[in-house]
């Protein structure tokens, strides 16, 4: 396993802690407020590091525009369509559909970046995606799969494509100049601007009832900053078609950490065992073969 693959896999572990923290914070906080706080923390962290390193003044206009495109697609349009999708078709279908993002990333990276993933890289991607989908779907739900395919399903699909385009734009920026922290600073700032402009469409208020929940979201923002820092550096030194699938293994870590830190014991079902095997096998295919 190279340093880039290790960074991508580590970003998934830290992302699991971010999910746990934001779950705690969203007991009384609105999704829009949570997204704004997390984006602000990540953007601020990126800008501080960038200014400290003195690299911000070195940015070319082309690099800035690629980072803006990253922010418009991922933290911006991707976040907005994901929130709309959750409102339209529900959380479970939306999360499951968003799991196909690595598929889009692989195809886009091949055609735009000229990457050439191996058979084992593609097999590993398929294995991880299938594992995440199996882990996300609630087979005992009263809602049938056919019920998902309504008009609102387009929003989580668009979100999955937007989140796939973001790392590709980041890679294009980093091919110009290797200043990854500027990407976090600019990208997540642009994402917040998109969220604020789209708040009337989202029909969500910026609200919270408990100050403790704000602290939980701030903690999630810190974890997100650490996770995003590792991921954007992984994208800089590794192919996008390898880094992104590895970064999407967070659900299995979320399951483990939820039990350890929140005391939520998940019943070990065939579904969980199968998903775990597929995710681990996918990681092995990508990193070891």
Protein backbone atom coordinates (compact mmCIF):
# COMPACT_ATOMS: atom_id res chain seq x y z
CA UNK A 1 0.00 0.00 0.00
CA UNK A 2 1.43 3.37 -1.06
CA UNK A 3 1.23 6.58 0.96
CA UNK A 4 -1.63 7.88 -1.20
CA UNK A 5 -3.74 4.76 -0.66
CA UNK A 6 -2.95 4.88 3.06
CA UNK A 7 -4.11 8.52 3.23
CA UNK A 8 -7.35 7.69 1.41
CA UNK A 9 -8.11 4.75 3.68
CA UNK A 10 -7.26 6.83 6.77
CA UNK A 11 -9.60 9.58 5.59
CA UNK A 12 -12.44 7.04 5.68
CA UNK A 13 -11.66 6.16 9.31
CA UNK A 14 -11.67 9.81 10.38
CA UNK A 15 -14.82 10.45 8.31
CA UNK A 16 -16.57 7.82 10.43
CA UNK A 17 -15.84 9.92 13.54
CA UNK A 18 -17.21 12.96 11.68
CA UNK A 19 -20.45 11.05 10.98
CA UNK A 20 -20.80 10.05 14.64
CA UNK A 21 -20.27 13.64 15.81
CA UNK A 22 -22.71 15.16 13.34
CA UNK A 23 -25.34 12.56 14.26
CA UNK A 24 -25.08 13.74 17.85
CA UNK A 25 -25.27 17.38 16.79
CA UNK A 26 -28.24 16.98 14.49
CA UNK A 27 -30.52 15.90 17.32
CA UNK A 28 -31.75 19.52 17.44
CA UNK A 29 -29.76 21.25 14.66
CA UNK A 30 -31.13 21.60 11.14
CA UNK A 31 -29.27 19.86 8.27
CA UNK A 32 -28.60 23.23 6.63
CA UNK A 33 -26.96 24.63 9.77
CA UNK A 34 -24.86 21.47 10.15
CA UNK A 35 -23.67 21.71 6.53
CA UNK A 36 -22.81 25.40 6.88
CA UNK A 37 -20.83 24.86 10.09
CA UNK A 38 -18.89 21.88 8.73
CA UNK A 39 -18.06 23.69 5.46
CA UNK A 40 -16.97 26.79 7.42
CA UNK A 41 -14.61 24.78 9.66
CA UNK A 42 -13.04 22.95 6.70
CA UNK A 43 -12.70 26.14 4.65
CA UNK A 44 -11.24 28.12 7.56
CA UNK A 45 -8.74 25.36 8.33
CA UNK A 46 -7.63 25.19 4.71
CA UNK A 47 -7.21 28.97 4.42
CA UNK A 48 -5.26 29.21 7.69
CA UNK A 49 -2.81 26.49 6.66
CA UNK A 50 -2.50 27.99 3.19
CA UNK A 51 -1.75 31.49 4.49
CA UNK A 52 0.66 30.08 7.10
CA UNK A 53 2.58 28.27 4.36
CA UNK A 54 2.58 31.43 2.25
CA UNK A 55 1.25 29.50 -0.73
CA UNK A 56 -1.96 31.43 -1.32
CA UNK A 57 -0.21 34.20 -3.25
CA UNK A 58 1.32 31.60 -5.55
CA UNK A 59 -2.04 30.41 -6.88
CA UNK A 60 -2.68 30.93 -10.59
CA UNK A 61 -6.10 31.91 -11.92
CA UNK A 62 -6.48 28.50 -13.62
CA UNK A 63 -5.84 26.65 -10.35
CA UNK A 64 -8.32 28.86 -8.49
CA UNK A 65 -11.00 28.25 -11.14
CA UNK A 66 -10.55 24.47 -10.88
CA UNK A 67 -10.89 24.70 -7.08
CA UNK A 68 -14.01 26.86 -7.52
CA UNK A 69 -15.42 24.18 -9.82
CA UNK A 70 -14.63 21.61 -7.12
CA UNK A 71 -16.57 23.66 -4.57
CA UNK A 72 -19.50 24.25 -6.91
CA UNK A 73 -19.93 20.54 -7.65
CA UNK A 74 -19.17 18.76 -4.34
CA UNK A 75 -19.77 20.95 -1.27
CA UNK A 76 -22.17 23.11 -3.32
CA UNK A 77 -24.42 21.40 -5.87
CA UNK A 78 -23.73 17.92 -4.50
CA UNK A 79 -24.71 18.87 -0.95
CA UNK A 80 -27.83 20.72 -2.13
CA UNK A 81 -29.14 17.90 -4.33
CA UNK A 82 -28.37 15.38 -1.58
CA UNK A 83 -30.45 17.34 0.94
CA UNK A 84 -33.29 17.68 -1.58
CA UNK A 85 -33.02 13.97 -2.35
CA UNK A 86 -33.35 13.07 1.34
CA UNK A 87 -36.50 15.18 1.51
CA UNK A 88 -37.93 13.68 -1.69
CA UNK A 89 -37.17 9.94 -1.42
CA UNK A 90 -35.96 9.48 2.16
CA UNK A 91 -32.58 8.99 3.84
CA UNK A 92 -32.06 5.28 3.13
CA UNK A 93 -32.63 5.39 -0.67
CA UNK A 94 -30.65 8.63 -0.96
CA UNK A 95 -27.61 7.25 0.90
CA UNK A 96 -27.75 4.00 -1.07
CA UNK A 97 -27.88 5.76 -4.43
CA UNK A 98 -25.01 8.07 -3.42
CA UNK A 99 -22.86 4.97 -2.86
CA UNK A 100 -22.41 4.64 -6.63
CA UNK A 101 -20.16 7.74 -6.69
CA UNK A 102 -16.93 5.66 -7.15
CA UNK A 103 -18.40 4.25 -10.37
CA UNK A 104 -18.81 7.74 -11.81
CA UNK A 105 -15.34 8.71 -10.55
CA UNK A 106 -13.70 5.79 -12.35
CA UNK A 107 -15.38 6.52 -15.67
CA UNK A 108 -14.79 10.28 -15.46
CA UNK A 109 -11.15 9.78 -14.45
CA UNK A 110 -10.59 7.52 -17.46
CA UNK A 111 -12.08 9.96 -19.98
CA UNK A 112 -11.00 13.31 -18.49
CA UNK A 113 -7.80 12.55 -16.59
CA UNK A 114 -6.61 9.74 -18.84
CA UNK A 115 -6.19 7.36 -15.90
CA UNK A 116 -5.80 3.67 -16.64
CA UNK A 117 -7.12 1.65 -13.68
CA UNK A 118 -6.23 -2.03 -13.68
CA UNK A 119 -8.68 -4.90 -13.68
CA UNK A 120 -8.14 -5.29 -9.93
CA UNK A 121 -8.72 -1.56 -9.31
CA UNK A 122 -12.07 -1.74 -11.10
CA UNK A 123 -12.95 -5.02 -9.35
CA UNK A 124 -12.10 -3.45 -5.99
CA UNK A 125 -14.27 -0.42 -6.77
CA UNK A 126 -17.22 -2.64 -7.68
CA UNK A 127 -16.71 -4.71 -4.52
CA UNK A 128 -16.61 -1.64 -2.24
CA UNK A 129 -19.66 -0.05 -3.88
CA UNK A 130 -21.67 -3.28 -3.58
CA UNK A 131 -20.61 -3.64 0.06
CA UNK A 132 -21.65 -0.08 0.92
CA UNK A 133 -25.00 -0.52 -0.84
CA UNK A 134 -25.69 -3.78 1.01
CA UNK A 135 -24.76 -2.09 4.31
CA UNK A 136 -27.00 0.90 3.54
CA UNK A 137 -30.16 -0.85 2.35
CA UNK A 138 -32.70 -1.83 4.98
CA UNK A 139 -34.17 -4.99 3.57
CA UNK A 140 -36.80 -5.15 6.27
CA UNK A 141 -38.12 -1.71 5.34
CA UNK A 142 -41.77 -1.52 4.36
CA UNK A 143 -40.80 0.71 1.46
CA UNK A 144 -40.17 -1.27 -1.70
CA UNK A 145 -37.21 -0.64 -4.00
CA UNK A 146 -39.70 0.17 -6.76
CA UNK A 147 -41.05 2.99 -4.61
CA UNK A 148 -37.69 4.75 -4.82
CA UNK A 149 -38.00 5.23 -8.56
CA UNK A 150 -40.20 8.25 -8.43
CA UNK A 151 -39.59 11.74 -9.70
CA UNK A 152 -37.36 12.74 -6.74
CA UNK A 153 -34.81 9.98 -7.38
CA UNK A 154 -33.03 12.25 -9.86
CA UNK A 155 -31.68 14.36 -6.98
CA UNK A 156 -29.54 11.69 -5.23
CA UNK A 157 -28.35 10.54 -8.67
CA UNK A 158 -27.27 14.10 -9.49
CA UNK A 159 -25.62 14.32 -6.06
CA UNK A 160 -23.60 11.15 -6.73
CA UNK A 161 -22.38 12.58 -10.05
CA UNK A 162 -21.55 15.96 -8.47
CA UNK A 163 -19.52 14.29 -5.70
CA UNK A 164 -17.70 12.33 -8.41
CA UNK A 165 -16.83 15.46 -10.39
CA UNK A 166 -15.42 17.31 -7.34
CA UNK A 167 -12.27 15.13 -6.88
CA UNK A 168 -11.67 15.20 -10.64
CA UNK A 169 -11.68 19.02 -10.61
CA UNK A 170 -9.42 18.91 -7.55
CA UNK A 171 -7.00 16.65 -9.44
CA UNK A 172 -6.98 19.03 -12.41
CA UNK A 173 -6.15 21.91 -10.05
CA UNK A 174 -3.42 19.92 -8.32
CA UNK A 175 -1.93 18.97 -11.68
CA UNK A 176 -1.44 22.71 -12.22
CA UNK A 177 -0.11 23.53 -8.74
CA UNK A 178 0.37 21.21 -5.80
CA UNK A 179 -1.29 23.41 -3.18
CA UNK A 180 -3.97 21.07 -1.75
CA UNK A 181 -4.97 23.13 1.30
CA UNK A 182 -6.00 25.99 -0.97
CA UNK A 183 -8.50 23.58 -2.48
CA UNK A 184 -10.16 23.06 0.90
CA UNK A 185 -10.18 26.78 1.65
CA UNK A 186 -11.64 27.83 -1.69
CA UNK A 187 -13.82 24.81 -2.42
CA UNK A 188 -15.73 24.65 0.85
CA UNK A 189 -16.14 28.45 0.92
CA UNK A 190 -17.76 28.28 -2.51
CA UNK A 191 -19.89 25.39 -1.22
CA UNK A 192 -21.22 27.57 1.60
CA UNK A 193 -22.09 30.37 -0.82
CA UNK A 194 -24.07 27.86 -2.88
CA UNK A 195 -25.88 26.60 0.23
CA UNK A 196 -26.84 30.10 1.35
CA UNK A 197 -28.09 31.07 -2.11
CA UNK A 198 -30.08 27.83 -2.36
CA UNK A 199 -31.63 27.96 1.13
CA UNK A 200 -35.01 29.17 -0.27
CA UNK A 201 -35.09 26.12 -2.57
CA UNK A 202 -34.12 23.75 0.24
CA UNK A 203 -36.88 25.22 2.44
CA UNK A 204 -34.77 24.61 5.51
CA UNK A 205 -34.10 26.99 8.35
CA UNK A 206 -30.81 27.58 10.11
CA UNK A 207 -31.89 26.49 13.56
CA UNK A 208 -30.68 24.68 16.68
CA UNK A 209 -32.13 24.22 20.15
CA UNK A 210 -29.08 23.11 22.11
CA UNK A 211 -25.65 24.74 22.28
CA UNK A 212 -24.14 21.35 23.02
CA UNK A 213 -25.30 20.17 19.61
CA UNK A 214 -23.43 23.09 18.01
CA UNK A 215 -20.28 21.87 19.75
CA UNK A 216 -20.86 18.39 18.37
CA UNK A 217 -21.17 19.81 14.85
CA UNK A 218 -18.01 21.87 15.34
CA UNK A 219 -16.23 18.67 16.37
CA UNK A 220 -17.57 17.01 13.24
CA UNK A 221 -16.16 19.93 11.26
CA UNK A 222 -12.71 19.33 12.75
CA UNK A 223 -12.89 15.64 11.88
CA UNK A 224 -14.09 16.57 8.39
CA UNK A 225 -11.15 18.95 8.00
CA UNK A 226 -8.69 16.19 8.95
CA UNK A 227 -10.43 13.67 6.68
CA UNK A 228 -10.62 16.11 3.75
CA UNK A 229 -6.96 17.08 4.22
CA UNK A 230 -5.89 13.45 3.94
CA UNK A 231 -8.16 12.82 0.97
CA UNK A 232 -7.11 15.84 -1.10
CA UNK A 233 -3.45 14.94 -0.49
CA UNK A 234 -4.24 11.36 -1.51
CA UNK A 235 -5.83 12.71 -4.70
CA UNK A 236 -2.68 14.76 -5.35
CA UNK A 237 -0.30 11.79 -5.25
CA UNK A 238 -2.55 8.88 -6.29
CA UNK A 239 -4.99 8.23 -9.14
CA UNK A 240 -8.49 9.49 -8.36
CA UNK A 241 -9.94 6.14 -9.44
CA UNK A 242 -8.02 4.51 -6.56
CA UNK A 243 -8.24 7.17 -3.83
CA UNK A 244 -12.01 7.75 -3.95
CA UNK A 245 -13.15 4.09 -3.65
CA UNK A 246 -10.87 3.64 -0.62
CA UNK A 247 -12.25 6.81 0.97
CA UNK A 248 -15.78 5.39 0.62
CA UNK A 249 -15.17 2.56 3.10
CA UNK A 250 -16.31 4.82 5.97
CA UNK A 251 -19.65 2.98 6.59
CA UNK A 252 -17.89 -0.12 7.92
CA UNK A 253 -15.83 2.00 10.32
CA UNK A 254 -18.96 3.91 11.30
CA UNK A 255 -20.59 0.63 12.28
CA UNK A 256 -17.60 -0.33 14.46
CA UNK A 257 -17.14 3.08 16.11
CA UNK A 258 -20.87 3.53 16.76
CA UNK A 259 -20.75 0.36 18.85
CA UNK A 260 -17.54 1.35 20.67
CA UNK A 261 -18.37 4.99 21.43
CA UNK A 262 -22.17 5.19 21.33
CA UNK A 263 -22.98 1.75 22.67
CA UNK A 264 -25.12 0.93 19.66
CA UNK A 265 -24.85 -2.80 19.21
CA UNK A 266 -25.80 -3.81 15.71
CA UNK A 267 -27.05 -7.36 15.37
CA UNK A 268 -24.53 -9.27 13.28
CA UNK A 269 -26.61 -10.32 10.30
CA UNK A 270 -25.75 -12.00 7.02
CA UNK A 271 -26.19 -8.58 5.44
CA UNK A 272 -23.47 -7.03 7.62
CA UNK A 273 -21.11 -9.99 7.18
CA UNK A 274 -21.52 -9.92 3.39
CA UNK A 275 -21.01 -6.13 3.24
CA UNK A 276 -17.90 -6.34 5.42
CA UNK A 277 -16.36 -9.07 3.27
CA UNK A 278 -17.02 -7.11 0.07
CA UNK A 279 -15.59 -3.83 1.43
CA UNK A 280 -12.48 -5.49 2.86
CA UNK A 281 -12.00 -7.54 -0.31
CA UNK A 282 -12.36 -4.39 -2.42
CA UNK A 283 -9.71 -2.61 -0.38
CA UNK A 284 -7.41 -5.60 -0.77
CA UNK A 285 -7.90 -5.69 -4.55
CA UNK A 286 -7.04 -1.99 -4.90
CA UNK A 287 -4.06 -1.84 -2.55
CA UNK A 288 -2.43 -5.25 -2.76
CA UNK A 289 -2.95 -6.46 -6.34
